[in-house]
Protein backbone atom coordinates (compact mmCIF):
# COMPACT_ATOMS: atom_id res chain seq x y z
CA MET A 1 0.00 0.00 0.00
CA ARG A 2 2.84 2.42 0.82
CA GLN A 3 4.48 1.72 -2.55
CA TRP A 4 1.19 2.19 -4.39
CA LYS A 5 0.59 5.47 -2.52
CA GLN A 6 4.08 6.71 -3.37
CA GLU A 7 3.71 5.86 -7.06
CA HIS A 8 0.29 7.57 -7.17
CA GLU A 9 1.71 10.71 -5.54
CA GLN A 10 4.54 10.74 -8.07
CA ARG A 11 2.04 10.57 -10.93
CA ILE A 12 0.07 13.45 -9.46
CA ALA A 13 3.23 15.51 -9.04
CA ILE A 14 4.22 14.91 -12.67
CA VAL A 15 0.78 15.77 -14.04
CA SER A 16 0.43 18.89 -11.88
CA GLY A 17 3.79 20.13 -13.13
CA ILE A 18 2.90 19.89 -16.80
CA ALA A 19 2.48 23.22 -18.57
CA SER A 20 -1.21 24.08 -18.79
CA ASN A 21 -1.00 24.68 -22.54
CA LYS A 22 -0.07 20.99 -23.04
CA LYS A 23 -2.87 19.49 -20.99
CA SER A 24 -5.72 17.89 -22.88
CA HIS A 25 -8.94 16.02 -22.13
CA VAL A 26 -8.72 12.61 -23.81
CA VAL A 27 -12.02 11.60 -25.43
CA PHE A 28 -12.92 8.13 -26.72
CA TYR A 29 -15.94 7.65 -28.96
CA GLY A 30 -16.79 4.22 -30.32
CA SER A 31 -19.85 2.73 -31.93
CA ASN A 32 -20.67 -0.46 -33.79
CA ILE A 33 -19.38 -0.52 -37.37
CA SER A 34 -21.50 -3.14 -39.12
CA GLU A 35 -21.14 -6.08 -36.69
CA GLN A 36 -17.70 -5.04 -35.43
CA LYS A 37 -17.06 -3.45 -32.04
CA SER A 38 -14.64 -0.53 -31.83
CA PRO A 39 -12.44 -0.67 -28.72
CA ILE A 40 -9.77 2.02 -28.32
CA GLN A 41 -6.84 1.39 -25.98
CA LYS A 42 -5.81 4.02 -23.43
CA ALA A 43 -2.10 3.23 -23.75
CA ASP A 44 -2.19 3.67 -27.54
CA ALA A 45 -3.91 7.04 -27.20
CA ILE A 46 -1.48 8.40 -24.61
CA GLU A 47 1.49 7.23 -26.66
CA ALA A 48 0.11 9.09 -29.68
CA MET A 49 -0.27 12.32 -27.69
CA PHE A 50 3.21 12.42 -26.10
CA PRO A 51 5.24 14.60 -26.01
CA ASN A 52 3.01 17.36 -27.42
CA ARG A 53 0.02 16.75 -25.14
CA TYR A 54 -0.66 15.16 -21.76
CA PRO A 55 -3.94 13.89 -20.29
CA VAL A 56 -5.70 16.11 -17.76
CA GLU A 57 -7.44 13.18 -16.06
CA GLU A 58 -6.12 9.71 -15.36
CA ASN A 59 -8.94 8.07 -17.35
CA PRO A 60 -10.26 9.09 -20.79
CA ILE A 61 -13.77 10.47 -21.21
CA SER A 62 -15.67 7.62 -22.86
CA LEU A 63 -18.74 8.51 -24.91
CA SER A 64 -19.12 5.01 -26.33
CA MET A 65 -22.19 2.84 -26.12
CA SER A 66 -23.15 -0.66 -27.24
CA CYS A 67 -26.30 -0.50 -29.34
CA SER A 68 -28.26 -3.71 -29.90
CA HIS A 69 -29.72 -2.46 -33.20
CA GLU A 70 -28.03 -3.17 -36.53
CA ASP A 71 -26.68 -0.18 -38.43
CA LYS A 72 -29.03 -0.85 -41.36
CA THR A 73 -32.04 0.16 -39.23
CA ASP A 74 -33.47 3.60 -38.46
CA ASP A 75 -33.50 2.65 -34.76
CA PHE A 76 -29.72 2.30 -34.77
CA TRP A 77 -29.12 5.82 -36.09
CA LYS A 78 -31.71 7.40 -33.81
CA THR A 79 -30.43 5.59 -30.69
CA GLU A 80 -26.78 6.36 -31.40
CA LEU A 81 -27.47 9.97 -32.33
CA ASP A 82 -29.50 10.62 -29.18
CA HIS A 83 -26.79 9.01 -27.05
CA LEU A 84 -24.06 11.06 -28.72
CA LYS A 85 -25.87 14.34 -28.11
CA ARG A 86 -26.64 13.50 -24.47
CA SER A 87 -23.09 12.36 -23.77
CA PHE A 88 -21.62 15.46 -25.37
CA ASN A 89 -23.86 17.73 -23.31
CA THR A 90 -23.09 15.80 -20.12
CA TYR A 91 -19.34 15.22 -20.36
CA ILE A 92 -17.90 17.65 -22.92
CA LEU A 93 -19.88 20.90 -22.62
CA PRO A 94 -19.14 21.41 -18.89
CA ARG A 95 -15.41 21.11 -19.60
CA ILE A 96 -15.67 23.59 -22.47
CA GLU A 97 -17.55 26.05 -20.27
CA LYS A 98 -15.06 25.60 -17.42
CA ASN A 99 -12.19 26.19 -19.88
CA ASP A 100 -9.51 24.65 -17.64
CA PRO A 101 -8.25 23.69 -20.18
CA ALA A 102 -10.69 23.52 -23.07
CA HIS A 103 -8.41 21.37 -25.20
CA PHE A 104 -9.45 17.89 -26.30
CA SER A 105 -7.68 14.93 -27.91
CA LEU A 106 -10.19 12.80 -29.78
CA PHE A 107 -9.87 9.11 -30.66
CA ALA A 108 -12.90 7.73 -32.47
CA LEU A 109 -13.98 4.61 -34.36
CA ALA A 110 -17.60 4.73 -35.48
CA PRO A 111 -19.77 4.88 -38.62
CA ILE A 112 -18.93 7.89 -40.76
CA PRO A 113 -22.30 9.73 -40.46
CA LEU A 114 -22.05 9.70 -36.64
CA LEU A 115 -18.49 11.01 -36.80
CA ILE A 116 -19.55 13.86 -39.10
CA LYS A 117 -22.26 14.74 -36.58
CA PHE A 118 -19.73 14.48 -33.73
CA GLY A 119 -17.55 17.03 -35.52
CA THR A 120 -20.44 19.49 -35.81
CA LEU A 121 -20.92 19.32 -32.02
CA PHE A 122 -17.32 20.36 -31.41
CA THR A 123 -17.20 22.92 -34.27
CA ASP A 124 -13.90 24.49 -35.29
CA LYS A 125 -14.04 26.96 -32.40
CA ILE A 126 -12.93 24.35 -29.85
CA ASP A 127 -9.22 23.53 -29.51
CA LEU A 128 -9.20 19.91 -30.62
CA ASP A 129 -6.66 17.37 -31.87
CA VAL A 130 -8.29 14.62 -33.95
CA TYR A 131 -6.28 11.40 -34.28
CA GLN A 132 -6.35 8.80 -37.03
CA PRO A 133 -5.62 5.07 -36.59
CA VAL A 134 -2.74 4.18 -38.91
CA ARG A 135 -2.77 0.61 -40.21
CA GLU A 136 0.87 0.34 -41.29
CA PRO A 137 2.61 0.69 -38.91
CA LYS A 138 -0.27 -0.08 -36.52
CA THR A 139 -0.46 3.03 -34.33
CA TRP A 140 -2.33 6.25 -33.59
CA LYS A 141 0.91 8.26 -33.79
CA TRP A 142 1.30 10.66 -36.68
CA GLN A 143 3.66 9.75 -39.54
CA THR A 144 5.33 11.74 -42.32
CA PHE A 145 3.26 13.92 -44.68
CA PRO A 146 2.88 11.98 -47.97
CA ASP A 147 4.68 13.47 -50.97
CA GLY A 148 2.52 15.09 -53.63
CA PHE A 149 -0.68 14.90 -51.61
CA GLU A 150 -3.60 17.20 -52.43
CA PHE A 151 -7.40 17.16 -52.45
CA ILE A 152 -9.27 17.41 -55.76
CA ILE A 153 -12.75 18.82 -56.50
CA ASN A 154 -14.62 17.49 -59.54
CA GLU A 155 -17.61 19.64 -60.51
CA PRO A 156 -20.77 18.38 -62.27
CA ASN A 157 -21.55 19.28 -65.88
CA SER A 158 -24.71 21.18 -64.89
CA PHE A 159 -26.00 22.81 -61.72
CA GLY A 160 -29.78 22.82 -62.17
CA LYS A 161 -30.40 19.59 -60.30
CA ILE A 162 -30.32 18.50 -56.63
CA PRO A 163 -26.71 18.70 -55.40
CA ALA A 164 -25.00 15.55 -54.17
CA LEU A 165 -21.43 15.27 -52.90
CA ILE A 166 -19.49 12.04 -53.38
CA ILE A 167 -16.49 11.82 -51.04
CA SER A 168 -14.12 9.35 -52.64
CA LEU A 169 -11.14 9.38 -50.28
CA SER A 170 -10.67 5.88 -48.88
CA ASP A 171 -12.39 4.26 -51.88
CA ARG A 172 -13.80 5.26 -55.27
CA ILE A 173 -17.60 5.64 -55.28
CA ALA A 174 -19.09 5.08 -58.73
CA PRO A 175 -22.00 7.40 -59.65
CA GLU A 176 -24.14 4.35 -60.39
CA ARG A 177 -24.10 3.45 -56.67
CA ILE A 178 -25.68 6.83 -55.93
CA LYS A 179 -28.25 6.83 -58.70
CA SER A 180 -29.49 3.40 -57.64
CA VAL A 181 -30.73 4.71 -54.25
CA VAL A 182 -31.87 8.26 -55.10
CA SER A 183 -34.79 8.69 -57.47
CA GLU A 184 -34.21 12.41 -58.11
CA THR A 185 -31.92 13.69 -60.85
CA LEU A 186 -28.67 14.84 -59.25
CA SER A 187 -25.78 17.18 -59.92
CA LEU A 188 -22.86 15.07 -58.72
CA TRP A 189 -19.90 16.78 -57.06
CA GLU A 190 -16.86 14.80 -55.98
CA LEU A 191 -14.12 15.37 -53.41
CA THR A 192 -11.25 12.97 -54.01
CA VAL A 193 -7.48 12.48 -54.17
CA ASP A 194 -5.02 11.22 -56.78
CA GLU A 195 -5.09 7.46 -57.36
CA PRO A 196 -1.86 6.66 -55.41
CA HIS A 197 -3.44 8.15 -52.27
CA LEU A 198 -6.86 6.57 -52.78
CA HIS A 199 -6.90 3.96 -50.01
CA ASN A 200 -7.94 3.63 -46.37
CA ASP A 201 -4.53 4.46 -44.89
CA PHE A 202 -3.64 7.71 -46.65
CA ILE A 203 -4.10 10.09 -43.69
CA ARG A 204 -0.62 10.23 -42.16
CA SER A 205 -0.28 13.82 -40.93
CA PRO A 206 -2.44 16.39 -39.10
CA ALA A 207 -1.56 18.83 -41.90
CA GLN A 208 -3.79 16.76 -44.19
CA LEU A 209 -6.73 17.33 -41.84
CA SER A 210 -6.09 21.07 -41.87
CA MET A 211 -6.10 20.94 -45.67
CA LEU A 212 -9.39 19.03 -45.59
CA ARG A 213 -11.12 21.61 -43.37
CA SER A 214 -10.07 24.39 -45.74
CA MET A 215 -11.26 22.39 -48.75
CA ILE A 216 -14.65 21.60 -47.18
CA ARG A 217 -15.25 25.28 -46.36
CA LYS A 218 -14.32 26.25 -49.92
CA LEU A 219 -16.49 23.48 -51.40
CA MET A 220 -19.57 24.43 -49.35
CA VAL A 221 -19.32 28.03 -50.56
CA ILE A 222 -19.00 26.95 -54.21
CA ILE A 223 -21.92 24.49 -54.01
CA LYS A 224 -24.16 27.08 -52.38
CA GLN A 225 -23.24 29.62 -55.07
CA ARG A 226 -24.13 27.13 -57.81
CA HIS A 227 -27.31 25.67 -56.24
CA GLY A 228 -28.59 28.12 -53.62
CA ASN A 229 -30.10 27.01 -50.30
CA ASP A 230 -33.43 25.61 -51.52
CA ASN A 231 -32.28 21.97 -51.55
CA PRO A 232 -30.26 20.02 -49.00
CA LEU A 233 -26.88 18.62 -49.96
CA LEU A 234 -26.86 14.81 -50.20
CA ILE A 235 -23.54 13.38 -48.96
CA PHE A 236 -22.19 9.92 -49.85
CA PRO A 237 -18.92 9.39 -47.97
CA ALA A 238 -16.04 6.93 -48.19
CA MET A 239 -13.47 8.53 -45.92
CA PRO A 240 -11.19 7.92 -42.91
CA VAL A 241 -12.64 8.51 -39.44
CA SER A 242 -10.54 11.61 -38.78
CA CYS A 243 -11.69 13.20 -42.05
CA ALA A 244 -15.33 12.62 -41.11
CA ILE A 245 -14.89 14.45 -37.81
CA GLU A 246 -13.04 17.32 -39.45
CA MET A 247 -15.70 17.62 -42.13
CA GLY A 248 -18.29 18.10 -39.40
CA ARG A 249 -16.11 20.67 -37.65
CA ALA A 250 -15.79 22.65 -40.87
CA ARG A 251 -19.56 22.98 -41.27
CA MET A 252 -20.93 26.51 -40.82
CA PRO A 253 -24.39 25.93 -39.26
CA LYS A 254 -25.82 29.36 -40.12
CA ALA A 255 -24.39 29.54 -43.63
CA ASP A 256 -24.32 26.01 -45.04
CA MET A 257 -27.31 24.22 -46.56
CA PRO A 258 -28.70 21.20 -44.65
CA TRP A 259 -26.79 17.95 -45.09
CA VAL A 260 -28.41 14.55 -45.64
CA VAL A 261 -25.71 11.98 -44.90
CA TYR A 262 -25.84 8.45 -46.31
CA ASP A 263 -23.97 5.36 -45.15
CA TYR A 264 -22.90 2.37 -47.22
CA ASN A 265 -24.20 -0.81 -45.60
CA ASN A 266 -22.30 -3.96 -46.52
CA LYS A 267 -25.09 -6.32 -45.49
CA ILE A 268 -27.63 -4.93 -47.91
CA GLY A 269 -25.04 -3.80 -50.46
CA ARG A 270 -26.12 -0.19 -50.96
CA PHE A 271 -26.19 3.28 -49.44
CA ILE A 272 -28.92 4.07 -46.93
CA LYS A 273 -30.02 7.39 -45.48
CA ALA A 274 -28.45 7.70 -42.02
CA LEU A 275 -29.09 11.17 -40.60
CA GLU A 276 -29.71 14.84 -41.33
CA ILE A 277 -27.68 17.79 -40.11
CA GLY A 278 -29.26 21.23 -40.14
CA GLY A 279 -32.70 22.16 -41.38
CA GLU A 280 -35.37 20.23 -39.48
CA GLU A 281 -32.75 18.01 -37.81
């Protein structure tokens, strides 16, 4: 007991001596992806943060839940969305309002529509580091910025139809996959990358996420200029988890048109409508 007490006091002394501008609230958010669970390990998260950031509390803030519904059902999206909002208001907002410090380090593994919504709750006004799980090497630590990387916008041929945005970042989404689930005639926009970077492990540096936020803001302005605010923007994403969060953070709630976010469900082999952001949300 004496040894345990001494070690605990040493940990407290170390944490209390850390510069306040390096302290961060560690946040875990996990949800079922298809039939897979999404555990995130505390040790991996802390290793990814050091030496730039240090946890404020000994244990991460966990916003995860285990939903019994399958992600192809409306009940799944409603249950998860309600839980996410309640958890954010309960565990995150008080820390933002206290502002001691209001910095967060976010580690998340969940369906893309929920992560986009999660990003809109934080907004870009909160000091937040979003981390990306790297597959090779297996880690959450940032790697080297990939040479020649850039985002690409492909515009539709005409702008008189309902706008839809295909996000082909971790995989190429063929237009036929969109047209098979939406009856309306669409003007298809695409946000993508060059073919060598088109895979599920291309996010290697936080600079890429900064580039993405800037690109999303630019893209939303262009789409609104071309289409106005009368119709919502339909979004069909294939993107890494960190990009989904940053896309939500880049959204301007008072300026951007409503978003209708779809999710590709492997079990039924097509996109399904997951949730709406803005408008009558």
